[in-house]
Amino acid sequence: MIKLILCMMIVFSGALIGAYYSRKLIRRKDTLASFLSLFQRASIMIAYENSDLCKLFSDNFAGYDFLYDKSFDIQWLEFIDRFHYVLKAKDREILSDFIRNMGVSDVESQQRHLAMYSRLLEEQLDDAGEEVIGKSKLYQVLPLSAGIVVSLLLI
């Protein structure tokens, strides 16, 4: 009876591990899509509103408020660090580099800057979509299968 319970726990744990890693892929894709939407909305707002970066990016998908008492660069990096468990290093590098020239030139240059980083994020989003399609099922099945094999060996 104890072996049966142990085997069920191993299989269940494998299924949970697989679901976790599969969901992580989906969260990366959703987060990149949210950043892309944020950049597109910021580009539109720059054209119609003459507001500073703190106000421009405070209305974001994560509810993070950019304050005026701190440098926007530092706050942006803190904002990105909130997603370190979801985003890959390449994603974080693109988002970190984004702030480098933002807010130091005229409106047209800023819109071009946002458009360029939007394209870079679109490439990462396409990569994330392909990864979800290609690896999501694998991440679900592999730990479950390993749990079943270990359970069979215990019986």
C-alpha atoms as a PDB file:
ATOM      1  CA  MET A   1       0.000   0.000   0.000  1.00  0.00           C
ATOM      2  CA  ILE A   2       2.831   2.398   0.849  1.00  0.00           C
ATOM      3  CA  LYS A   3       4.544   1.566  -2.451  1.00  0.00           C
ATOM      4  CA  LEU A   4       1.356   2.383  -4.328  1.00  0.00           C
ATOM      5  CA  ILE A   5       1.014   5.743  -2.588  1.00  0.00           C
ATOM      6  CA  LEU A   6       4.689   6.479  -3.217  1.00  0.00           C
ATOM      7  CA  CYS A   7       4.310   5.586  -6.895  1.00  0.00           C
ATOM      8  CA  MET A   8       1.245   7.818  -7.231  1.00  0.00           C
ATOM      9  CA  MET A   9       3.152  10.692  -5.601  1.00  0.00           C
ATOM     10  CA  ILE A  10       6.091  10.221  -7.982  1.00  0.00           C
ATOM     11  CA  VAL A  11       3.828  10.230 -11.047  1.00  0.00           C
ATOM     12  CA  PHE A  12       1.903  13.230  -9.719  1.00  0.00           C
ATOM     13  CA  SER A  13       5.162  15.087  -9.012  1.00  0.00           C
ATOM     14  CA  GLY A  14       6.362  14.390 -12.545  1.00  0.00           C
ATOM     15  CA  ALA A  15       3.119  15.760 -13.938  1.00  0.00           C
ATOM     16  CA  LEU A  16       3.437  18.909 -11.801  1.00  0.00           C
ATOM     17  CA  ILE A  17       7.031  19.491 -12.846  1.00  0.00           C
ATOM     18  CA  GLY A  18       6.057  19.130 -16.485  1.00  0.00           C
ATOM     19  CA  ALA A  19       3.135  21.525 -16.107  1.00  0.00           C
ATOM     20  CA  TYR A  20       5.392  24.071 -14.373  1.00  0.00           C
ATOM     21  CA  TYR A  21       7.995  24.118 -17.146  1.00  0.00           C
ATOM     22  CA  SER A  22       5.382  24.112 -19.859  1.00  0.00           C
ATOM     23  CA  ARG A  23       3.617  27.050 -18.219  1.00  0.00           C
ATOM     24  CA  LYS A  24       6.926  28.895 -17.912  1.00  0.00           C
ATOM     25  CA  LEU A  25       7.271  28.829 -21.708  1.00  0.00           C
ATOM     26  CA  ILE A  26       3.784  30.252 -22.085  1.00  0.00           C
ATOM     27  CA  ARG A  27       4.444  32.960 -19.476  1.00  0.00           C
ATOM     28  CA  ARG A  28       7.541  34.064 -21.409  1.00  0.00           C
ATOM     29  CA  LYS A  29       5.497  34.416 -24.568  1.00  0.00           C
ATOM     30  CA  ASP A  30       2.760  36.346 -22.745  1.00  0.00           C
ATOM     31  CA  THR A  31       5.280  38.645 -21.040  1.00  0.00           C
ATOM     32  CA  LEU A  32       7.026  39.461 -24.315  1.00  0.00           C
ATOM     33  CA  ALA A  33       3.643  40.196 -25.899  1.00  0.00           C
ATOM     34  CA  SER A  34       2.858  42.537 -23.001  1.00  0.00           C
ATOM     35  CA  PHE A  35       6.164  44.383 -23.429  1.00  0.00           C
ATOM     36  CA  LEU A  36       5.512  44.676 -27.159  1.00  0.00           C
ATOM     37  CA  SER A  37       2.077  46.126 -26.454  1.00  0.00           C
ATOM     38  CA  LEU A  38       3.627  48.536 -23.936  1.00  0.00           C
ATOM     39  CA  PHE A  39       6.138  49.754 -26.530  1.00  0.00           C
ATOM     40  CA  GLN A  40       3.456  50.197 -29.185  1.00  0.00           C
ATOM     41  CA  ARG A  41       1.220  52.117 -26.797  1.00  0.00           C
ATOM     42  CA  ALA A  42       4.169  54.273 -25.712  1.00  0.00           C
ATOM     43  CA  SER A  43       4.948  55.079 -29.336  1.00  0.00           C
ATOM     44  CA  ILE A  44       1.393  56.275 -29.894  1.00  0.00           C
ATOM     45  CA  MET A  45       1.347  58.263 -26.663  1.00  0.00           C
ATOM     46  CA  ILE A  46       4.632  59.975 -27.537  1.00  0.00           C
ATOM     47  CA  ALA A  47       3.063  61.261 -30.727  1.00  0.00           C
ATOM     48  CA  TYR A  48      -0.027  62.683 -29.036  1.00  0.00           C
ATOM     49  CA  GLU A  49       1.158  63.512 -25.535  1.00  0.00           C
ATOM     50  CA  ASN A  50       4.245  65.366 -24.550  1.00  0.00           C
ATOM     51  CA  SER A  51       4.760  63.497 -21.276  1.00  0.00           C
ATOM     52  CA  ASP A  52       7.901  62.306 -19.597  1.00  0.00           C
ATOM     53  CA  LEU A  53       9.023  58.687 -19.476  1.00  0.00           C
ATOM     54  CA  CYS A  54       7.776  58.062 -15.934  1.00  0.00           C
ATOM     55  CA  LYS A  55       4.239  59.008 -16.855  1.00  0.00           C
ATOM     56  CA  LEU A  56       4.470  57.291 -20.224  1.00  0.00           C
ATOM     57  CA  PHE A  57       5.450  53.889 -18.865  1.00  0.00           C
ATOM     58  CA  SER A  58       3.582  53.956 -15.528  1.00  0.00           C
ATOM     59  CA  ASP A  59       0.464  52.615 -17.187  1.00  0.00           C
ATOM     60  CA  ASN A  60       1.923  49.155 -17.765  1.00  0.00           C
ATOM     61  CA  PHE A  61       0.722  45.554 -17.651  1.00  0.00           C
ATOM     62  CA  ALA A  62       2.386  44.793 -14.294  1.00  0.00           C
ATOM     63  CA  GLY A  63       1.036  47.760 -12.349  1.00  0.00           C
ATOM     64  CA  TYR A  64       4.532  49.092 -11.652  1.00  0.00           C
ATOM     65  CA  ASP A  65       4.555  52.843 -10.977  1.00  0.00           C
ATOM     66  CA  PHE A  66       7.570  54.772 -12.174  1.00  0.00           C
ATOM     67  CA  LEU A  67       8.260  57.533  -9.663  1.00  0.00           C
ATOM     68  CA  TYR A  68       9.803  60.935 -10.229  1.00  0.00           C
ATOM     69  CA  ASP A  69      12.175  60.815  -7.268  1.00  0.00           C
ATOM     70  CA  LYS A  70      14.347  58.117  -8.849  1.00  0.00           C
ATOM     71  CA  SER A  71      16.153  57.930 -12.168  1.00  0.00           C
ATOM     72  CA  PHE A  72      13.998  56.339 -14.868  1.00  0.00           C
ATOM     73  CA  ASP A  73      16.930  54.172 -16.022  1.00  0.00           C
ATOM     74  CA  ILE A  74      17.284  52.563 -12.605  1.00  0.00           C
ATOM     75  CA  GLN A  75      13.541  52.077 -12.275  1.00  0.00           C
ATOM     76  CA  TRP A  76      13.348  50.474 -15.731  1.00  0.00           C
ATOM     77  CA  LEU A  77      16.042  47.964 -14.815  1.00  0.00           C
ATOM     78  CA  GLU A  78      14.200  47.199 -11.563  1.00  0.00           C
ATOM     79  CA  PHE A  79      11.020  46.727 -13.584  1.00  0.00           C
ATOM     80  CA  ILE A  80      12.731  44.262 -15.906  1.00  0.00           C
ATOM     81  CA  ASP A  81      14.264  42.392 -12.960  1.00  0.00           C
ATOM     82  CA  ARG A  82      10.741  41.563 -11.823  1.00  0.00           C
ATOM     83  CA  PHE A  83      10.567  39.172 -14.800  1.00  0.00           C
ATOM     84  CA  HIS A  84      13.945  37.461 -14.391  1.00  0.00           C
ATOM     85  CA  TYR A  85      12.290  34.099 -13.723  1.00  0.00           C
ATOM     86  CA  VAL A  86      10.265  34.263 -16.957  1.00  0.00           C
ATOM     87  CA  LEU A  87      12.466  35.983 -19.507  1.00  0.00           C
ATOM     88  CA  LYS A  88      15.619  34.585 -21.027  1.00  0.00           C
ATOM     89  CA  ALA A  89      18.936  36.438 -20.845  1.00  0.00           C
ATOM     90  CA  LYS A  90      18.568  37.644 -24.451  1.00  0.00           C
ATOM     91  CA  ASP A  91      15.119  39.081 -23.679  1.00  0.00           C
ATOM     92  CA  ARG A  92      16.418  40.912 -20.612  1.00  0.00           C
ATOM     93  CA  GLU A  93      19.397  42.202 -22.603  1.00  0.00           C
ATOM     94  CA  ILE A  94      17.131  43.702 -25.274  1.00  0.00           C
ATOM     95  CA  LEU A  95      14.886  45.291 -22.663  1.00  0.00           C
ATOM     96  CA  SER A  96      17.879  46.641 -20.731  1.00  0.00           C
ATOM     97  CA  ASP A  97      19.422  48.129 -23.866  1.00  0.00           C
ATOM     98  CA  PHE A  98      16.112  49.758 -24.760  1.00  0.00           C
ATOM     99  CA  ILE A  99      16.467  52.450 -22.132  1.00  0.00           C
ATOM    100  CA  ARG A 100      19.936  53.473 -23.252  1.00  0.00           C
ATOM    101  CA  ASN A 101      18.822  56.140 -25.787  1.00  0.00           C
ATOM    102  CA  MET A 102      15.213  56.596 -24.785  1.00  0.00           C
ATOM    103  CA  GLY A 103      14.125  60.103 -23.852  1.00  0.00           C
ATOM    104  CA  VAL A 104      17.256  61.912 -25.029  1.00  0.00           C
ATOM    105  CA  SER A 105      16.126  63.019 -28.482  1.00  0.00           C
ATOM    106  CA  ASP A 106      13.149  64.391 -30.375  1.00  0.00           C
ATOM    107  CA  VAL A 107       9.779  62.677 -30.744  1.00  0.00           C
ATOM    108  CA  GLU A 108      10.483  61.137 -34.153  1.00  0.00           C
ATOM    109  CA  SER A 109      13.759  59.620 -33.000  1.00  0.00           C
ATOM    110  CA  GLN A 110      12.063  58.176 -29.949  1.00  0.00           C
ATOM    111  CA  GLN A 111       9.334  56.659 -32.104  1.00  0.00           C
ATOM    112  CA  ARG A 112      11.968  55.098 -34.372  1.00  0.00           C
ATOM    113  CA  HIS A 113      13.752  53.818 -31.274  1.00  0.00           C
ATOM    114  CA  LEU A 114      10.521  52.257 -29.993  1.00  0.00           C
ATOM    115  CA  ALA A 115       9.800  50.776 -33.430  1.00  0.00           C
ATOM    116  CA  MET A 116      13.262  49.209 -33.619  1.00  0.00           C
ATOM    117  CA  TYR A 117      12.932  47.616 -30.186  1.00  0.00           C
ATOM    118  CA  SER A 118       9.395  46.536 -31.021  1.00  0.00           C
ATOM    119  CA  ARG A 119      10.801  44.632 -34.005  1.00  0.00           C
ATOM    120  CA  LEU A 120      13.462  43.038 -31.797  1.00  0.00           C
ATOM    121  CA  LEU A 121      10.765  42.005 -29.323  1.00  0.00           C
ATOM    122  CA  GLU A 122       8.629  40.638 -32.171  1.00  0.00           C
ATOM    123  CA  GLU A 123      11.538  38.392 -33.151  1.00  0.00           C
ATOM    124  CA  GLN A 124      11.853  37.176 -29.560  1.00  0.00           C
ATOM    125  CA  LEU A 125       8.079  36.706 -29.423  1.00  0.00           C
ATOM    126  CA  ASP A 126       8.162  34.601 -32.584  1.00  0.00           C
ATOM    127  CA  ASP A 127      10.968  32.541 -31.046  1.00  0.00           C
ATOM    128  CA  ALA A 128       8.929  32.110 -27.861  1.00  0.00           C
ATOM    129  CA  GLY A 129       5.900  31.012 -29.897  1.00  0.00           C
ATOM    130  CA  GLU A 130       7.944  28.415 -31.752  1.00  0.00           C
ATOM    131  CA  GLU A 131       9.393  27.230 -28.463  1.00  0.00           C
ATOM    132  CA  VAL A 132       5.912  26.828 -26.968  1.00  0.00           C
ATOM    133  CA  ILE A 133       4.796  24.797 -29.975  1.00  0.00           C
ATOM    134  CA  GLY A 134       7.940  22.675 -30.070  1.00  0.00           C
ATOM    135  CA  LYS A 135       8.744  22.129 -26.423  1.00  0.00           C
ATOM    136  CA  SER A 136       5.546  22.541 -24.430  1.00  0.00           C
ATOM    137  CA  LYS A 137       4.322  18.984 -24.951  1.00  0.00           C
ATOM    138  CA  LEU A 138       7.831  17.643 -24.407  1.00  0.00           C
ATOM    139  CA  TYR A 139       8.071  19.436 -21.067  1.00  0.00           C
ATOM    140  CA  GLN A 140       4.737  17.946 -20.034  1.00  0.00           C
ATOM    141  CA  VAL A 141       5.360  14.378 -21.173  1.00  0.00           C
ATOM    142  CA  LEU A 142       8.998  13.858 -20.238  1.00  0.00           C
ATOM    143  CA  PRO A 143       8.744  14.310 -16.443  1.00  0.00           C
ATOM    144  CA  LEU A 144       5.471  12.382 -16.387  1.00  0.00           C
ATOM    145  CA  SER A 145       7.091   9.525 -18.289  1.00  0.00           C
ATOM    146  CA  ALA A 146      10.090   9.574 -15.951  1.00  0.00           C
ATOM    147  CA  GLY A 147       7.727   9.388 -12.992  1.00  0.00           C
ATOM    148  CA  ILE A 148       5.918   6.422 -14.511  1.00  0.00           C
ATOM    149  CA  VAL A 149       9.203   4.612 -15.205  1.00  0.00           C
ATOM    150  CA  VAL A 150      10.486   5.198 -11.676  1.00  0.00           C
ATOM    151  CA  SER A 151       7.130   3.999 -10.289  1.00  0.00           C
ATOM    152  CA  LEU A 152       7.278   0.832 -12.369  1.00  0.00           C
ATOM    153  CA  LEU A 153      10.794   0.169 -11.167  1.00  0.00           C
ATOM    154  CA  LEU A 154       9.658   0.532  -7.557  1.00  0.00           C
ATOM    155  CA  ILE A 155       6.811  -1.911  -7.999  1.00  0.00           C
END
